[in-house]
C-alpha atoms as a PDB file:
ATOM      1  CA  ARG A   1     -23.669  -2.246 -57.476  1.00  0.00           C
ATOM      2  CA  GLN A   2     -27.204  -2.865 -58.654  1.00  0.00           C
ATOM      3  CA  GLN A   3     -27.933   0.888 -58.687  1.00  0.00           C
ATOM      4  CA  LEU A   4     -31.130   0.320 -56.707  1.00  0.00           C
ATOM      5  CA  PRO A   5     -32.865   3.110 -54.789  1.00  0.00           C
ATOM      6  CA  VAL A   6     -32.091   2.959 -51.043  1.00  0.00           C
ATOM      7  CA  THR A   7     -35.392   1.665 -49.690  1.00  0.00           C
ATOM      8  CA  SER A   8     -36.340  -0.829 -46.989  1.00  0.00           C
ATOM      9  CA  ALA A   9     -37.651  -3.257 -49.600  1.00  0.00           C
ATOM     10  CA  ASN A  10     -34.458  -3.081 -51.672  1.00  0.00           C
ATOM     11  CA  LYS A  11     -32.235  -3.515 -48.621  1.00  0.00           C
ATOM     12  CA  GLN A  12     -34.206  -6.626 -47.689  1.00  0.00           C
ATOM     13  CA  LYS A  13     -34.006  -7.886 -51.281  1.00  0.00           C
ATOM     14  CA  VAL A  14     -30.221  -7.524 -51.384  1.00  0.00           C
ATOM     15  CA  LEU A  15     -29.726  -9.150 -47.978  1.00  0.00           C
ATOM     16  CA  GLY A  16     -32.072 -12.001 -48.900  1.00  0.00           C
ATOM     17  CA  LYS A  17     -31.989 -15.007 -46.572  1.00  0.00           C
ATOM     18  CA  ALA A  18     -29.083 -13.538 -44.599  1.00  0.00           C
ATOM     19  CA  LEU A  19     -31.475 -11.092 -42.915  1.00  0.00           C
ATOM     20  CA  SER A  20     -33.409 -13.876 -41.180  1.00  0.00           C
ATOM     21  CA  LEU A  21     -30.172 -15.113 -39.577  1.00  0.00           C
ATOM     22  CA  ILE A  22     -29.656 -11.898 -37.615  1.00  0.00           C
ATOM     23  CA  ARG A  23     -30.529 -12.519 -33.972  1.00  0.00           C
ATOM     24  CA  PHE A  24     -32.465  -9.320 -33.268  1.00  0.00           C
ATOM     25  CA  PRO A  25     -34.378 -10.899 -30.301  1.00  0.00           C
ATOM     26  CA  LEU A  26     -31.088 -11.421 -28.429  1.00  0.00           C
ATOM     27  CA  MET A  27     -30.301  -7.703 -28.415  1.00  0.00           C
ATOM     28  CA  THR A  28     -31.285  -5.461 -25.556  1.00  0.00           C
ATOM     29  CA  ILE A  29     -34.128  -3.074 -26.338  1.00  0.00           C
ATOM     30  CA  GLU A  30     -31.596  -0.216 -26.160  1.00  0.00           C
ATOM     31  CA  GLU A  31     -29.301  -1.876 -28.732  1.00  0.00           C
ATOM     32  CA  PHE A  32     -32.229  -2.547 -31.032  1.00  0.00           C
ATOM     33  CA  ALA A  33     -33.607   0.998 -30.717  1.00  0.00           C
ATOM     34  CA  ALA A  34     -30.221   2.622 -31.382  1.00  0.00           C
ATOM     35  CA  GLY A  35     -29.361   0.465 -34.394  1.00  0.00           C
ATOM     36  CA  PRO A  36     -31.637  -1.853 -36.389  1.00  0.00           C
ATOM     37  CA  ALA A  37     -34.855   0.050 -35.605  1.00  0.00           C
ATOM     38  CA  GLN A  38     -33.412   3.123 -37.349  1.00  0.00           C
ATOM     39  CA  SER A  39     -31.487   1.351 -40.111  1.00  0.00           C
ATOM     40  CA  GLY A  40     -34.273   1.087 -42.669  1.00  0.00           C
ATOM     41  CA  ILE A  41     -33.517  -2.621 -43.110  1.00  0.00           C
ATOM     42  CA  LEU A  42     -36.695  -3.705 -41.338  1.00  0.00           C
ATOM     43  CA  SER A  43     -40.237  -2.861 -42.315  1.00  0.00           C
ATOM     44  CA  ASP A  44     -42.339  -0.748 -39.947  1.00  0.00           C
ATOM     45  CA  ARG A  45     -44.370  -3.823 -39.021  1.00  0.00           C
ATOM     46  CA  GLU A  46     -41.224  -5.818 -38.183  1.00  0.00           C
ATOM     47  CA  VAL A  47     -39.894  -2.979 -36.024  1.00  0.00           C
ATOM     48  CA  VAL A  48     -43.184  -2.816 -34.101  1.00  0.00           C
ATOM     49  CA  ASN A  49     -43.298  -6.610 -33.657  1.00  0.00           C
ATOM     50  CA  LEU A  50     -39.747  -6.695 -32.338  1.00  0.00           C
ATOM     51  CA  PHE A  51     -40.428  -3.856 -29.889  1.00  0.00           C
ATOM     52  CA  LEU A  52     -43.487  -5.818 -28.712  1.00  0.00           C
ATOM     53  CA  HIS A  53     -41.306  -8.922 -28.404  1.00  0.00           C
ATOM     54  CA  PHE A  54     -39.018  -6.982 -26.041  1.00  0.00           C
ATOM     55  CA  THR A  55     -41.773  -5.430 -23.932  1.00  0.00           C
ATOM     56  CA  VAL A  56     -45.035  -7.401 -23.746  1.00  0.00           C
ATOM     57  CA  ASN A  57     -46.301 -10.804 -22.687  1.00  0.00           C
ATOM     58  CA  PRO A  58     -47.390 -12.994 -24.383  1.00  0.00           C
ATOM     59  CA  LYS A  59     -44.806 -12.158 -27.024  1.00  0.00           C
ATOM     60  CA  PRO A  60     -45.756 -11.974 -30.712  1.00  0.00           C
ATOM     61  CA  ARG A  61     -44.088 -14.383 -33.091  1.00  0.00           C
ATOM     62  CA  VAL A  62     -41.055 -12.928 -34.867  1.00  0.00           C
ATOM     63  CA  ASP A  63     -39.225 -14.400 -37.845  1.00  0.00           C
ATOM     64  CA  TYR A  64     -35.796 -14.164 -36.263  1.00  0.00           C
ATOM     65  CA  ILE A  65     -33.716 -16.629 -34.260  1.00  0.00           C
ATOM     66  CA  ASP A  66     -33.902 -16.164 -30.487  1.00  0.00           C
ATOM     67  CA  ARG A  67     -31.181 -18.624 -29.441  1.00  0.00           C
ATOM     68  CA  PRO A  68     -27.500 -17.706 -29.073  1.00  0.00           C
ATOM     69  CA  ARG A  69     -25.123 -18.540 -31.888  1.00  0.00           C
ATOM     70  CA  CYS A  70     -23.189 -21.645 -30.938  1.00  0.00           C
ATOM     71  CA  CYS A  71     -20.292 -23.303 -32.743  1.00  0.00           C
ATOM     72  CA  LEU A  72     -20.309 -26.257 -30.369  1.00  0.00           C
ATOM     73  CA  ARG A  73     -20.608 -29.750 -31.699  1.00  0.00           C
ATOM     74  CA  GLY A  74     -22.788 -32.426 -30.218  1.00  0.00           C
ATOM     75  CA  LYS A  75     -26.184 -32.297 -28.608  1.00  0.00           C
ATOM     76  CA  GLU A  76     -27.489 -29.827 -26.067  1.00  0.00           C
ATOM     77  CA  CYS A  77     -27.811 -31.358 -22.598  1.00  0.00           C
ATOM     78  CA  SER A  78     -29.321 -30.213 -19.326  1.00  0.00           C
ATOM     79  CA  ILE A  79     -29.487 -31.317 -15.705  1.00  0.00           C
ATOM     80  CA  ASN A  80     -31.948 -30.373 -12.975  1.00  0.00           C
ATOM     81  CA  ARG A  81     -30.740 -30.422  -9.377  1.00  0.00           C
ATOM     82  CA  PHE A  82     -34.150 -30.463  -7.678  1.00  0.00           C
ATOM     83  CA  GLN A  83     -36.602 -33.332  -7.176  1.00  0.00           C
ATOM     84  CA  GLN A  84     -39.660 -31.251  -6.277  1.00  0.00           C
ATOM     85  CA  VAL A  85     -41.133 -27.802  -6.961  1.00  0.00           C
ATOM     86  CA  GLU A  86     -42.869 -25.563  -4.409  1.00  0.00           C
ATOM     87  CA  SER A  87     -44.413 -22.080  -4.417  1.00  0.00           C
ATOM     88  CA  ARG A  88     -43.336 -18.584  -3.337  1.00  0.00           C
ATOM     89  CA  TRP A  89     -39.735 -17.518  -3.737  1.00  0.00           C
ATOM     90  CA  GLY A  90     -39.273 -13.755  -3.420  1.00  0.00           C
ATOM     91  CA  TYR A  91     -36.820 -11.269  -4.942  1.00  0.00           C
ATOM     92  CA  SER A  92     -35.416  -8.049  -3.489  1.00  0.00           C
ATOM     93  CA  GLY A  93     -32.259  -7.457  -5.538  1.00  0.00           C
ATOM     94  CA  THR A  94     -30.104 -10.135  -3.897  1.00  0.00           C
ATOM     95  CA  SER A  95     -28.556 -12.724  -6.214  1.00  0.00           C
ATOM     96  CA  ASP A  96     -29.448 -16.407  -6.040  1.00  0.00           C
ATOM     97  CA  ARG A  97     -26.163 -18.350  -6.117  1.00  0.00           C
ATOM     98  CA  ILE A  98     -25.021 -21.964  -6.060  1.00  0.00           C
ATOM     99  CA  ARG A  99     -21.485 -23.331  -6.400  1.00  0.00           C
ATOM    100  CA  PHE A 100     -20.642 -26.380  -8.502  1.00  0.00           C
ATOM    101  CA  THR A 101     -17.861 -28.481  -9.982  1.00  0.00           C
ATOM    102  CA  VAL A 102     -17.943 -30.891 -12.921  1.00  0.00           C
ATOM    103  CA  ASN A 103     -15.891 -34.020 -13.599  1.00  0.00           C
ATOM    104  CA  ARG A 104     -15.115 -33.168 -17.240  1.00  0.00           C
ATOM    105  CA  ARG A 105     -14.742 -30.217 -19.566  1.00  0.00           C
ATOM    106  CA  ILE A 106     -18.080 -28.807 -20.734  1.00  0.00           C
ATOM    107  CA  SER A 107     -19.442 -25.567 -22.164  1.00  0.00           C
ATOM    108  CA  ILE A 108     -22.384 -23.949 -20.384  1.00  0.00           C
ATOM    109  CA  VAL A 109     -24.778 -22.013 -22.619  1.00  0.00           C
ATOM    110  CA  GLY A 110     -27.528 -21.074 -20.161  1.00  0.00           C
ATOM    111  CA  PHE A 111     -29.677 -21.790 -17.124  1.00  0.00           C
ATOM    112  CA  GLY A 112     -33.243 -22.920 -16.633  1.00  0.00           C
ATOM    113  CA  LEU A 113     -34.986 -20.700 -14.069  1.00  0.00           C
ATOM    114  CA  TYR A 114     -38.334 -20.891 -12.302  1.00  0.00           C
ATOM    115  CA  GLY A 115     -41.032 -18.358 -13.149  1.00  0.00           C
ATOM    116  CA  SER A 116     -44.032 -16.713 -11.546  1.00  0.00           C
ATOM    117  CA  ILE A 117     -46.688 -18.362  -9.406  1.00  0.00           C
ATOM    118  CA  HIS A 118     -49.134 -15.647 -10.540  1.00  0.00           C
ATOM    119  CA  GLY A 119     -49.600 -16.564 -14.205  1.00  0.00           C
ATOM    120  CA  PRO A 120     -47.878 -15.264 -17.359  1.00  0.00           C
ATOM    121  CA  THR A 121     -45.187 -12.756 -16.402  1.00  0.00           C
ATOM    122  CA  ASP A 122     -41.953 -11.219 -17.671  1.00  0.00           C
ATOM    123  CA  TYR A 123     -38.794 -11.156 -15.560  1.00  0.00           C
ATOM    124  CA  GLN A 124     -35.631  -9.125 -15.885  1.00  0.00           C
ATOM    125  CA  VAL A 125     -32.554 -11.143 -14.992  1.00  0.00           C
ATOM    126  CA  ASN A 126     -28.788 -10.971 -14.884  1.00  0.00           C
ATOM    127  CA  ILE A 127     -27.033 -14.330 -15.113  1.00  0.00           C
ATOM    128  CA  GLN A 128     -23.356 -14.956 -14.419  1.00  0.00           C
ATOM    129  CA  ILE A 129     -20.813 -17.712 -14.040  1.00  0.00           C
ATOM    130  CA  ILE A 130     -17.939 -16.844 -11.711  1.00  0.00           C
ATOM    131  CA  GLU A 131     -14.733 -18.818 -11.153  1.00  0.00           C
ATOM    132  CA  TYR A 132     -14.957 -19.088  -7.379  1.00  0.00           C
ATOM    133  CA  GLU A 133     -11.308 -19.072  -6.244  1.00  0.00           C
ATOM    134  CA  LYS A 134     -10.315 -16.167  -8.512  1.00  0.00           C
ATOM    135  CA  ASN A 135     -13.635 -14.319  -8.063  1.00  0.00           C
ATOM    136  CA  GLN A 136     -13.513 -13.822 -11.845  1.00  0.00           C
ATOM    137  CA  THR A 137     -16.672 -13.417 -13.929  1.00  0.00           C
ATOM    138  CA  LEU A 138     -16.334 -15.702 -16.965  1.00  0.00           C
ATOM    139  CA  GLY A 139     -19.604 -14.735 -18.611  1.00  0.00           C
ATOM    140  CA  GLN A 140     -22.759 -12.755 -17.904  1.00  0.00           C
ATOM    141  CA  ASN A 141     -25.897 -11.552 -19.639  1.00  0.00           C
ATOM    142  CA  ASP A 142     -28.466  -8.887 -18.771  1.00  0.00           C
ATOM    143  CA  THR A 143     -31.621 -10.248 -20.332  1.00  0.00           C
ATOM    144  CA  GLY A 144     -35.138 -11.375 -19.527  1.00  0.00           C
ATOM    145  CA  PHE A 145     -37.565 -14.230 -19.947  1.00  0.00           C
ATOM    146  CA  SER A 146     -41.283 -14.821 -20.152  1.00  0.00           C
ATOM    147  CA  CYS A 147     -43.030 -17.494 -18.119  1.00  0.00           C
ATOM    148  CA  ASP A 148     -46.521 -18.950 -18.316  1.00  0.00           C
ATOM    149  CA  GLY A 149     -47.343 -19.484 -14.641  1.00  0.00           C
ATOM    150  CA  THR A 150     -46.461 -23.188 -14.616  1.00  0.00           C
ATOM    151  CA  ALA A 151     -43.799 -24.866 -12.488  1.00  0.00           C
ATOM    152  CA  ASN A 152     -41.645 -25.510 -15.562  1.00  0.00           C
ATOM    153  CA  THR A 153     -38.166 -24.049 -15.977  1.00  0.00           C
ATOM    154  CA  PHE A 154     -37.607 -21.270 -18.521  1.00  0.00           C
ATOM    155  CA  ARG A 155     -34.449 -20.883 -20.568  1.00  0.00           C
ATOM    156  CA  VAL A 156     -32.112 -17.935 -20.016  1.00  0.00           C
ATOM    157  CA  MET A 157     -29.045 -18.033 -22.245  1.00  0.00           C
ATOM    158  CA  PHE A 158     -25.563 -16.562 -22.267  1.00  0.00           C
ATOM    159  CA  LYS A 159     -24.431 -14.701 -25.374  1.00  0.00           C
ATOM    160  CA  GLU A 160     -21.448 -17.047 -25.782  1.00  0.00           C
ATOM    161  CA  PRO A 161     -20.671 -20.554 -24.464  1.00  0.00           C
ATOM    162  CA  ILE A 162     -18.630 -20.566 -21.237  1.00  0.00           C
ATOM    163  CA  GLU A 163     -15.907 -23.186 -20.872  1.00  0.00           C
ATOM    164  CA  ILE A 164     -16.008 -25.108 -17.593  1.00  0.00           C
ATOM    165  CA  LEU A 165     -12.961 -27.152 -16.576  1.00  0.00           C
ATOM    166  CA  PRO A 166     -12.976 -30.315 -14.445  1.00  0.00           C
ATOM    167  CA  THR A 167     -12.540 -30.006 -10.658  1.00  0.00           C
ATOM    168  CA  VAL A 168     -12.549 -26.172 -10.758  1.00  0.00           C
ATOM    169  CA  CYS A 169     -15.189 -24.566  -8.518  1.00  0.00           C
ATOM    170  CA  TYR A 170     -17.636 -22.146 -10.139  1.00  0.00           C
ATOM    171  CA  THR A 171     -20.575 -20.071  -8.922  1.00  0.00           C
ATOM    172  CA  ALA A 172     -23.808 -19.933 -10.915  1.00  0.00           C
ATOM    173  CA  CYS A 173     -25.543 -16.633 -10.231  1.00  0.00           C
ATOM    174  CA  ALA A 174     -28.967 -15.247 -11.183  1.00  0.00           C
ATOM    175  CA  THR A 175     -30.373 -11.880 -10.081  1.00  0.00           C
ATOM    176  CA  LEU A 176     -34.084 -11.716 -10.858  1.00  0.00           C
ATOM    177  CA  LYS A 177     -36.456  -8.767 -10.861  1.00  0.00           C
ATOM    178  CA  GLY A 178     -40.100  -9.759 -10.815  1.00  0.00           C
ATOM    179  CA  PRO A 179     -42.892 -11.279  -8.705  1.00  0.00           C
ATOM    180  CA  ASP A 180     -42.706 -14.312  -6.433  1.00  0.00           C
ATOM    181  CA  SER A 181     -41.835 -17.499  -8.280  1.00  0.00           C
ATOM    182  CA  HIS A 182     -41.802 -21.239  -7.897  1.00  0.00           C
ATOM    183  CA  TYR A 183     -38.686 -22.755  -6.354  1.00  0.00           C
ATOM    184  CA  GLY A 184     -37.032 -26.136  -6.147  1.00  0.00           C
ATOM    185  CA  THR A 185     -36.661 -28.315  -3.087  1.00  0.00           C
ATOM    186  CA  LYS A 186     -35.196 -31.713  -2.173  1.00  0.00           C
ATOM    187  CA  GLY A 187     -31.998 -30.684  -3.907  1.00  0.00           C
ATOM    188  CA  LEU A 188     -29.269 -33.127  -4.890  1.00  0.00           C
ATOM    189  CA  LYS A 189     -25.572 -32.729  -4.074  1.00  0.00           C
ATOM    190  CA  LYS A 190     -24.618 -34.848  -7.084  1.00  0.00           C
ATOM    191  CA  VAL A 191     -26.390 -35.013 -10.452  1.00  0.00           C
ATOM    192  CA  ILE A 192     -25.235 -37.358 -13.224  1.00  0.00           C
ATOM    193  CA  HIS A 193     -26.064 -36.822 -16.885  1.00  0.00           C
ATOM    194  CA  GLU A 194     -25.707 -39.973 -18.963  1.00  0.00           C
ATOM    195  CA  SER A 195     -25.392 -39.792 -22.735  1.00  0.00           C
ATOM    196  CA  PRO A 196     -25.429 -42.742 -25.161  1.00  0.00           C
ATOM    197  CA  THR A 197     -22.693 -41.070 -27.233  1.00  0.00           C
ATOM    198  CA  SER A 198     -20.308 -39.793 -24.541  1.00  0.00           C
ATOM    199  CA  SER A 199     -19.158 -40.542 -21.007  1.00  0.00           C
ATOM    200  CA  LYS A 200     -21.018 -39.492 -17.876  1.00  0.00           C
ATOM    201  CA  THR A 201     -21.063 -35.855 -16.813  1.00  0.00           C
ATOM    202  CA  CYS A 202     -21.188 -35.473 -13.018  1.00  0.00           C
ATOM    203  CA  PHE A 203     -22.164 -32.187 -11.367  1.00  0.00           C
ATOM    204  CA  PHE A 204     -21.398 -31.627  -7.668  1.00  0.00           C
ATOM    205  CA  PHE A 205     -23.224 -28.787  -5.905  1.00  0.00           C
ATOM    206  CA  PHE A 206     -22.152 -26.765  -2.847  1.00  0.00           C
ATOM    207  CA  SER A 207     -23.861 -23.938  -1.018  1.00  0.00           C
ATOM    208  CA  SER A 208     -22.288 -20.555  -1.692  1.00  0.00           C
ATOM    209  CA  PRO A 209     -21.137 -18.490   1.320  1.00  0.00           C
ATOM    210  CA  GLY A 210     -22.920 -15.247   2.110  1.00  0.00           C
ATOM    211  CA  ASN A 211     -26.452 -14.080   1.397  1.00  0.00           C
ATOM    212  CA  ASN A 212     -27.744 -15.936  -1.659  1.00  0.00           C
ATOM    213  CA  ASN A 213     -31.414 -14.947  -1.404  1.00  0.00           C
ATOM    214  CA  GLY A 214     -31.922 -18.279   0.351  1.00  0.00           C
ATOM    215  CA  THR A 215     -30.705 -20.504  -2.482  1.00  0.00           C
ATOM    216  CA  SER A 216     -28.752 -23.533  -1.249  1.00  0.00           C
ATOM    217  CA  ILE A 217     -28.142 -27.162  -2.149  1.00  0.00           C
ATOM    218  CA  GLU A 218     -31.535 -28.069  -0.686  1.00  0.00           C
ATOM    219  CA  ASP A 219     -33.807 -25.251  -1.921  1.00  0.00           C
ATOM    220  CA  GLY A 220     -34.038 -22.268  -4.234  1.00  0.00           C
ATOM    221  CA  GLN A 221     -33.500 -21.014  -7.766  1.00  0.00           C
ATOM    222  CA  ILE A 222     -31.156 -22.012 -10.617  1.00  0.00           C
ATOM    223  CA  PRO A 223     -32.564 -25.527 -10.928  1.00  0.00           C
ATOM    224  CA  GLU A 224     -31.197 -26.244 -14.377  1.00  0.00           C
ATOM    225  CA  ILE A 225     -27.856 -25.952 -16.180  1.00  0.00           C
ATOM    226  CA  ILE A 226     -27.845 -26.153 -19.981  1.00  0.00           C
ATOM    227  CA  PHE A 227     -24.569 -27.305 -21.520  1.00  0.00           C
ATOM    228  CA  TYR A 228     -22.650 -29.071 -24.269  1.00  0.00           C
ATOM    229  CA  THR A 229     -19.996 -31.755 -23.707  1.00  0.00           C
END
């Protein structure tokens, strides 16, 4: 309508502030390469920075949101099921899994996972939530995360919130590809999250049958669940 030449600068000018709301960092590198990288919307420098964001560690700062879009009201909450952190948990392609139920309806948006014992590292990871009785995958994401070598947890998010219903059994699943990591121990069967603005949220954990890369109630991965009430 403005009869402007089709250039990267003019595309950015027309899009204005809307451009910064596009969540490029949440795409896979394949999605980004096939679409936005070739669209002419981004400058060459922005394209390079985003490719670096996907592939190197430490990651360069990018001016785009890296958290999933969420229409949920209220405040983000999280629980951690372990009381202590230890070293050396290995990965060979087998999924870490833990079953759980909750006493009220919530929406899970991601997990906190342990990272490398060897310093700053990138991991590839697939995360899933499965309704246990139906063996139905309710949500999954093939993504990655960067860690700094500490015993902290590192956020790995789903693309959309996943509704969790009370007293239904679910399986939290994470399949990591990367070096040995920290792991949690002295696990709790019951974890209560108390909020000043809402009632208590109680998580109950159960070991998942089969080979779960060693993860159980007592030890392992998937220490943290990130959710909204």
